N, C-alpha and C. Protein backbone atom coordinates (compact mmCIF):
# COMPACT_ATOMS: atom_id res chain seq x y z
N UNK A 1 118.03 -30.28 83.36
CA UNK A 1 117.42 -31.27 84.23
C UNK A 1 116.35 -32.01 83.44
N UNK A 2 116.27 -33.31 83.61
CA UNK A 2 115.35 -34.14 82.85
C UNK A 2 113.89 -33.74 83.04
N UNK A 3 113.51 -33.42 84.26
CA UNK A 3 112.12 -33.09 84.51
C UNK A 3 111.72 -31.81 83.78
N UNK A 4 112.65 -30.89 83.64
CA UNK A 4 112.38 -29.67 82.89
C UNK A 4 112.07 -29.97 81.43
N UNK A 5 112.80 -30.91 80.83
CA UNK A 5 112.53 -31.30 79.45
C UNK A 5 111.13 -31.88 79.32
N UNK A 6 110.74 -32.66 80.31
CA UNK A 6 109.40 -33.29 80.29
C UNK A 6 108.32 -32.22 80.35
N UNK A 7 108.40 -31.34 81.34
CA UNK A 7 107.37 -30.31 81.51
C UNK A 7 107.31 -29.38 80.30
N UNK A 8 108.47 -28.93 79.83
CA UNK A 8 108.50 -28.04 78.68
C UNK A 8 107.86 -28.70 77.46
N UNK A 9 108.26 -29.93 77.20
CA UNK A 9 107.77 -30.63 76.01
C UNK A 9 106.26 -30.84 76.07
N UNK A 10 105.75 -31.32 77.19
CA UNK A 10 104.32 -31.58 77.31
C UNK A 10 103.50 -30.29 77.20
N UNK A 11 103.95 -29.24 77.87
CA UNK A 11 103.18 -27.99 77.88
C UNK A 11 103.28 -27.23 76.56
N UNK A 12 104.48 -27.15 75.99
CA UNK A 12 104.64 -26.35 74.77
C UNK A 12 104.04 -27.04 73.54
N UNK A 13 103.88 -28.36 73.59
CA UNK A 13 103.33 -29.08 72.44
C UNK A 13 101.81 -29.23 72.50
N UNK A 14 101.20 -28.83 73.60
CA UNK A 14 99.76 -29.02 73.75
C UNK A 14 98.98 -28.01 72.91
N UNK A 15 98.12 -28.50 72.04
CA UNK A 15 97.41 -27.62 71.10
C UNK A 15 96.42 -26.70 71.81
N UNK A 16 95.79 -27.15 72.88
CA UNK A 16 94.85 -26.28 73.61
C UNK A 16 95.61 -25.11 74.24
N UNK A 17 96.78 -25.37 74.81
CA UNK A 17 97.57 -24.29 75.40
C UNK A 17 98.09 -23.33 74.34
N UNK A 18 98.51 -23.85 73.20
CA UNK A 18 98.97 -23.00 72.11
C UNK A 18 97.84 -22.10 71.62
N UNK A 19 96.64 -22.64 71.53
CA UNK A 19 95.48 -21.86 71.11
C UNK A 19 95.19 -20.73 72.10
N UNK A 20 95.30 -21.02 73.39
CA UNK A 20 94.98 -20.03 74.41
C UNK A 20 96.07 -18.97 74.61
N UNK A 21 97.33 -19.37 74.44
CA UNK A 21 98.44 -18.46 74.76
C UNK A 21 99.28 -18.05 73.57
N UNK A 22 99.27 -18.82 72.51
CA UNK A 22 100.21 -18.63 71.42
C UNK A 22 101.41 -19.54 71.62
N UNK A 23 102.38 -19.44 70.73
CA UNK A 23 103.56 -20.31 70.82
C UNK A 23 104.67 -19.64 71.63
N UNK A 24 105.59 -20.46 72.09
CA UNK A 24 106.77 -20.00 72.84
C UNK A 24 106.40 -19.19 74.08
N UNK A 25 105.44 -19.70 74.86
CA UNK A 25 104.98 -19.00 76.06
C UNK A 25 105.16 -19.86 77.33
N UNK A 26 106.09 -20.83 77.27
CA UNK A 26 106.38 -21.71 78.40
C UNK A 26 107.85 -21.52 78.75
N UNK A 27 108.12 -21.18 80.03
CA UNK A 27 109.48 -20.82 80.45
C UNK A 27 109.90 -21.56 81.72
N UNK A 28 111.19 -21.91 81.82
CA UNK A 28 111.70 -22.47 83.07
C UNK A 28 112.05 -21.36 84.07
N UNK A 29 111.65 -21.50 85.30
CA UNK A 29 112.02 -20.63 86.42
C UNK A 29 111.45 -19.23 86.39
N UNK A 30 111.58 -18.50 85.28
CA UNK A 30 111.02 -17.15 85.19
C UNK A 30 110.81 -16.79 83.72
N UNK A 31 109.94 -15.84 83.48
CA UNK A 31 109.71 -15.36 82.12
C UNK A 31 110.61 -14.15 81.87
N UNK A 32 111.11 -14.00 80.65
CA UNK A 32 111.93 -12.82 80.33
C UNK A 32 111.14 -11.52 80.53
N UNK A 33 111.85 -10.45 80.79
CA UNK A 33 111.21 -9.14 80.92
C UNK A 33 110.38 -8.84 79.68
N UNK A 34 109.28 -8.17 79.91
CA UNK A 34 108.38 -7.71 78.85
C UNK A 34 107.69 -8.84 78.10
N UNK A 35 107.65 -10.05 78.69
CA UNK A 35 106.89 -11.14 78.09
C UNK A 35 105.41 -10.78 78.16
N UNK A 36 104.72 -10.93 77.06
CA UNK A 36 103.29 -10.60 77.02
C UNK A 36 102.48 -11.70 77.70
N UNK A 37 101.47 -11.30 78.43
CA UNK A 37 100.56 -12.24 79.09
C UNK A 37 99.58 -12.76 78.05
N UNK A 38 99.10 -14.00 78.22
CA UNK A 38 99.38 -14.97 79.28
C UNK A 38 100.63 -15.81 78.96
N UNK A 39 101.17 -16.45 80.02
CA UNK A 39 102.29 -17.35 79.85
C UNK A 39 102.37 -18.30 81.04
N UNK A 40 103.26 -19.29 80.92
CA UNK A 40 103.46 -20.32 81.95
C UNK A 40 104.94 -20.33 82.34
N UNK A 41 105.18 -20.49 83.64
CA UNK A 41 106.54 -20.71 84.17
C UNK A 41 106.50 -22.01 84.98
N UNK A 42 107.47 -22.89 84.75
CA UNK A 42 107.54 -24.13 85.52
C UNK A 42 108.85 -24.19 86.29
N UNK A 43 108.82 -24.92 87.40
CA UNK A 43 110.03 -25.14 88.20
C UNK A 43 109.84 -26.42 89.01
N UNK A 44 110.94 -26.95 89.53
CA UNK A 44 110.87 -28.15 90.36
C UNK A 44 111.50 -27.88 91.71
N UNK A 45 111.04 -28.61 92.71
CA UNK A 45 111.53 -28.38 94.07
C UNK A 45 112.55 -29.40 94.52
N UNK A 46 112.32 -30.66 94.24
CA UNK A 46 113.22 -31.66 94.82
C UNK A 46 113.24 -32.93 94.00
N UNK A 47 114.25 -33.71 94.25
CA UNK A 47 114.36 -35.04 93.67
C UNK A 47 114.63 -35.99 94.83
N UNK A 48 113.69 -36.85 95.11
CA UNK A 48 113.81 -37.75 96.24
C UNK A 48 113.91 -39.19 95.77
N UNK A 49 115.13 -39.73 95.64
CA UNK A 49 115.24 -41.14 95.27
C UNK A 49 114.79 -42.02 96.44
N UNK A 50 114.15 -43.09 96.11
CA UNK A 50 113.71 -44.04 97.13
C UNK A 50 114.85 -45.02 97.36
N UNK A 51 115.30 -45.13 98.61
CA UNK A 51 116.40 -46.03 98.95
C UNK A 51 115.83 -47.28 99.59
N UNK A 52 116.25 -48.44 99.07
CA UNK A 52 115.83 -49.72 99.61
C UNK A 52 117.05 -50.46 100.15
N UNK A 53 116.84 -51.66 100.68
CA UNK A 53 117.95 -52.47 101.17
C UNK A 53 118.95 -52.77 100.05
N UNK A 54 118.46 -52.83 98.83
CA UNK A 54 119.30 -53.18 97.69
C UNK A 54 119.88 -51.96 96.96
N UNK A 55 119.68 -50.79 97.51
CA UNK A 55 120.19 -49.58 96.87
C UNK A 55 119.05 -48.65 96.49
N UNK A 56 119.29 -47.81 95.49
CA UNK A 56 118.29 -46.83 95.06
C UNK A 56 117.28 -47.52 94.15
N UNK A 57 116.00 -47.25 94.40
CA UNK A 57 114.92 -47.83 93.61
C UNK A 57 114.95 -47.30 92.18
N UNK A 58 114.05 -47.84 91.37
CA UNK A 58 114.02 -47.51 89.95
C UNK A 58 113.33 -46.20 89.62
N UNK A 59 112.96 -45.41 90.61
CA UNK A 59 112.31 -44.15 90.27
C UNK A 59 112.74 -43.02 91.19
N UNK A 60 112.53 -41.81 90.68
CA UNK A 60 112.84 -40.59 91.42
C UNK A 60 111.57 -39.74 91.39
N UNK A 61 111.24 -39.13 92.53
CA UNK A 61 110.04 -38.30 92.61
C UNK A 61 110.42 -36.84 92.74
N UNK A 62 109.79 -36.02 91.92
CA UNK A 62 109.96 -34.57 91.95
C UNK A 62 108.64 -33.93 92.34
N UNK A 63 108.71 -32.75 92.89
CA UNK A 63 107.53 -31.90 93.02
C UNK A 63 107.71 -30.80 91.98
N UNK A 64 106.77 -30.71 91.07
CA UNK A 64 106.82 -29.71 90.03
C UNK A 64 105.78 -28.63 90.27
N UNK A 65 106.15 -27.40 89.97
CA UNK A 65 105.24 -26.26 90.10
C UNK A 65 105.05 -25.64 88.73
N UNK A 66 103.80 -25.40 88.38
CA UNK A 66 103.48 -24.75 87.13
C UNK A 66 102.67 -23.50 87.47
N UNK A 67 103.23 -22.35 87.15
CA UNK A 67 102.57 -21.07 87.41
C UNK A 67 101.99 -20.53 86.12
N UNK A 68 100.71 -20.22 86.16
CA UNK A 68 100.00 -19.67 85.00
C UNK A 68 99.72 -18.20 85.30
N UNK A 69 100.08 -17.31 84.38
CA UNK A 69 99.92 -15.87 84.55
C UNK A 69 99.01 -15.31 83.45
N UNK A 70 98.07 -14.46 83.86
CA UNK A 70 97.19 -13.82 82.89
C UNK A 70 96.60 -12.54 83.47
N UNK A 71 96.34 -11.58 82.62
CA UNK A 71 95.67 -10.35 83.08
C UNK A 71 94.17 -10.59 83.26
N UNK A 72 93.61 -11.56 82.55
CA UNK A 72 92.18 -11.85 82.62
C UNK A 72 91.94 -13.14 83.39
N UNK A 73 91.04 -13.07 84.36
CA UNK A 73 90.78 -14.23 85.21
C UNK A 73 90.20 -15.41 84.41
N UNK A 74 89.27 -15.14 83.51
CA UNK A 74 88.67 -16.22 82.72
C UNK A 74 89.72 -16.94 81.88
N UNK A 75 90.64 -16.18 81.30
CA UNK A 75 91.73 -16.78 80.53
C UNK A 75 92.62 -17.61 81.43
N UNK A 76 92.89 -17.11 82.62
CA UNK A 76 93.69 -17.84 83.60
C UNK A 76 93.08 -19.21 83.89
N UNK A 77 91.78 -19.25 84.13
CA UNK A 77 91.10 -20.51 84.44
C UNK A 77 91.12 -21.45 83.23
N UNK A 78 90.92 -20.91 82.03
CA UNK A 78 90.95 -21.75 80.82
C UNK A 78 92.33 -22.37 80.62
N UNK A 79 93.38 -21.58 80.82
CA UNK A 79 94.74 -22.11 80.67
C UNK A 79 95.03 -23.14 81.76
N UNK A 80 94.59 -22.86 82.97
CA UNK A 80 94.80 -23.81 84.08
C UNK A 80 94.14 -25.15 83.76
N UNK A 81 92.92 -25.12 83.25
CA UNK A 81 92.24 -26.36 82.88
C UNK A 81 92.98 -27.09 81.77
N UNK A 82 93.51 -26.34 80.81
CA UNK A 82 94.27 -26.95 79.72
C UNK A 82 95.57 -27.59 80.23
N UNK A 83 96.23 -26.94 81.19
CA UNK A 83 97.43 -27.52 81.79
C UNK A 83 97.07 -28.85 82.45
N UNK A 84 96.00 -28.85 83.23
CA UNK A 84 95.57 -30.09 83.90
C UNK A 84 95.30 -31.19 82.88
N UNK A 85 94.60 -30.85 81.80
CA UNK A 85 94.30 -31.86 80.78
C UNK A 85 95.56 -32.36 80.08
N UNK A 86 96.55 -31.50 79.95
CA UNK A 86 97.78 -31.87 79.24
C UNK A 86 98.67 -32.80 80.04
N UNK A 87 98.73 -32.62 81.37
CA UNK A 87 99.74 -33.38 82.11
C UNK A 87 99.21 -34.28 83.23
N UNK A 88 97.99 -34.05 83.71
CA UNK A 88 97.52 -34.84 84.84
C UNK A 88 97.38 -36.32 84.46
N UNK A 89 97.94 -37.18 85.29
CA UNK A 89 97.95 -38.63 85.10
C UNK A 89 98.74 -39.08 83.87
N UNK A 90 99.61 -38.22 83.36
CA UNK A 90 100.42 -38.59 82.20
C UNK A 90 101.42 -39.68 82.60
N UNK A 91 101.61 -40.63 81.70
CA UNK A 91 102.71 -41.58 81.81
C UNK A 91 103.16 -41.89 80.39
N UNK A 92 104.45 -42.09 80.22
CA UNK A 92 105.00 -42.35 78.89
C UNK A 92 106.43 -41.86 78.81
N UNK A 93 106.93 -41.76 77.60
CA UNK A 93 108.30 -41.31 77.39
C UNK A 93 108.29 -39.97 76.66
N UNK A 94 109.01 -39.01 77.22
CA UNK A 94 109.10 -37.66 76.65
C UNK A 94 110.57 -37.28 76.58
N UNK A 95 111.03 -36.90 75.39
CA UNK A 95 112.43 -36.46 75.24
C UNK A 95 113.42 -37.48 75.81
N UNK A 96 113.10 -38.77 75.66
CA UNK A 96 113.97 -39.83 76.16
C UNK A 96 113.87 -40.10 77.65
N UNK A 97 112.95 -39.42 78.33
CA UNK A 97 112.76 -39.58 79.78
C UNK A 97 111.48 -40.39 80.01
N UNK A 98 111.58 -41.46 80.81
CA UNK A 98 110.41 -42.27 81.11
C UNK A 98 109.69 -41.72 82.33
N UNK A 99 108.46 -41.31 82.10
CA UNK A 99 107.61 -40.76 83.17
C UNK A 99 106.68 -41.87 83.64
N UNK A 100 106.79 -42.21 84.92
CA UNK A 100 105.89 -43.23 85.47
C UNK A 100 104.50 -42.65 85.70
N UNK A 101 104.45 -41.42 86.23
CA UNK A 101 103.15 -40.78 86.44
C UNK A 101 103.35 -39.33 86.87
N UNK A 102 102.46 -38.47 86.38
CA UNK A 102 102.36 -37.09 86.85
C UNK A 102 101.01 -36.99 87.55
N UNK A 103 101.04 -36.67 88.84
CA UNK A 103 99.81 -36.61 89.62
C UNK A 103 99.58 -35.23 90.22
N UNK A 104 98.38 -34.72 90.05
CA UNK A 104 97.98 -33.41 90.57
C UNK A 104 97.98 -33.43 92.09
N UNK A 105 98.55 -32.40 92.71
CA UNK A 105 98.53 -32.26 94.16
C UNK A 105 97.56 -31.18 94.60
N UNK A 106 97.81 -29.92 94.17
CA UNK A 106 96.90 -28.83 94.55
C UNK A 106 97.20 -27.59 93.73
N UNK A 107 96.44 -26.53 94.02
CA UNK A 107 96.66 -25.25 93.36
C UNK A 107 96.29 -24.13 94.30
N UNK A 108 96.87 -22.96 94.04
CA UNK A 108 96.57 -21.78 94.83
C UNK A 108 96.53 -20.57 93.91
N UNK A 109 95.51 -19.73 94.09
CA UNK A 109 95.35 -18.53 93.27
C UNK A 109 95.95 -17.32 93.97
N UNK A 110 96.47 -16.41 93.14
CA UNK A 110 97.06 -15.16 93.64
C UNK A 110 96.67 -14.01 92.72
N UNK A 111 96.85 -12.80 93.21
CA UNK A 111 96.74 -11.61 92.38
C UNK A 111 97.87 -10.68 92.77
N UNK A 112 98.62 -10.20 91.78
CA UNK A 112 99.71 -9.27 92.03
C UNK A 112 99.22 -7.86 91.70
N UNK A 113 98.97 -7.08 92.73
CA UNK A 113 98.44 -5.73 92.56
C UNK A 113 99.44 -4.79 91.89
N UNK A 114 100.73 -5.05 92.08
CA UNK A 114 101.75 -4.17 91.50
C UNK A 114 101.75 -4.19 89.98
N UNK A 115 101.48 -5.36 89.41
CA UNK A 115 101.49 -5.46 87.94
C UNK A 115 100.13 -5.84 87.37
N UNK A 116 99.10 -5.91 88.23
CA UNK A 116 97.73 -6.17 87.79
C UNK A 116 97.61 -7.50 87.04
N UNK A 117 98.06 -8.60 87.69
CA UNK A 117 98.08 -9.91 87.06
C UNK A 117 97.55 -10.98 88.02
N UNK A 118 96.71 -11.83 87.47
CA UNK A 118 96.24 -13.03 88.18
C UNK A 118 97.26 -14.14 87.92
N UNK A 119 97.48 -14.99 88.92
CA UNK A 119 98.26 -16.19 88.65
C UNK A 119 97.87 -17.32 89.58
N UNK A 120 98.08 -18.52 89.09
CA UNK A 120 97.78 -19.74 89.82
C UNK A 120 99.04 -20.58 89.85
N UNK A 121 99.35 -21.13 91.03
CA UNK A 121 100.45 -22.09 91.14
C UNK A 121 99.84 -23.47 91.31
N UNK A 122 100.11 -24.34 90.35
CA UNK A 122 99.69 -25.74 90.41
C UNK A 122 100.87 -26.57 90.87
N UNK A 123 100.63 -27.55 91.70
CA UNK A 123 101.72 -28.44 92.09
C UNK A 123 101.38 -29.88 91.72
N UNK A 124 102.43 -30.59 91.32
CA UNK A 124 102.32 -31.97 90.85
C UNK A 124 103.42 -32.82 91.44
N UNK A 125 103.11 -34.09 91.67
CA UNK A 125 104.12 -35.09 92.02
C UNK A 125 104.46 -35.81 90.72
N UNK A 126 105.74 -35.83 90.40
CA UNK A 126 106.17 -36.40 89.11
C UNK A 126 107.16 -37.52 89.40
N UNK A 127 106.81 -38.72 88.98
CA UNK A 127 107.70 -39.88 89.18
C UNK A 127 108.36 -40.23 87.85
N UNK A 128 109.69 -40.24 87.88
CA UNK A 128 110.48 -40.63 86.72
C UNK A 128 111.16 -41.96 87.00
N UNK A 129 111.34 -42.72 85.94
CA UNK A 129 112.08 -43.97 86.07
C UNK A 129 113.56 -43.64 85.95
N UNK A 130 114.37 -44.24 86.84
CA UNK A 130 115.84 -44.02 86.79
C UNK A 130 116.44 -44.64 85.56
């Protein structure tokens, strides 16, 4: 999926995120078993083309979710801030995909007591040009 290429490319190439997490720590949908913390998982919810009288408009809107996982809360917040800096209000071309805008929607914090991990789910509205 095109939006996956965009999110992966922007997040995995960001130097602040690489410094905080190391390399190869960005995954689509889920992280492999035994992945060391911290890491990021991204996913998308929908693709809503805008339909006009003349057909489908020139853009498609996705809702993207970026989940940040860490055993340490301070590290979690640092990575979350770096994610925001890397993608919020981004526009441009990534991996041949034209991004009109990535806009921050909200975030929610969680703690998983079973595995002793903090995580935050960030949500974004992502507009791509058709």
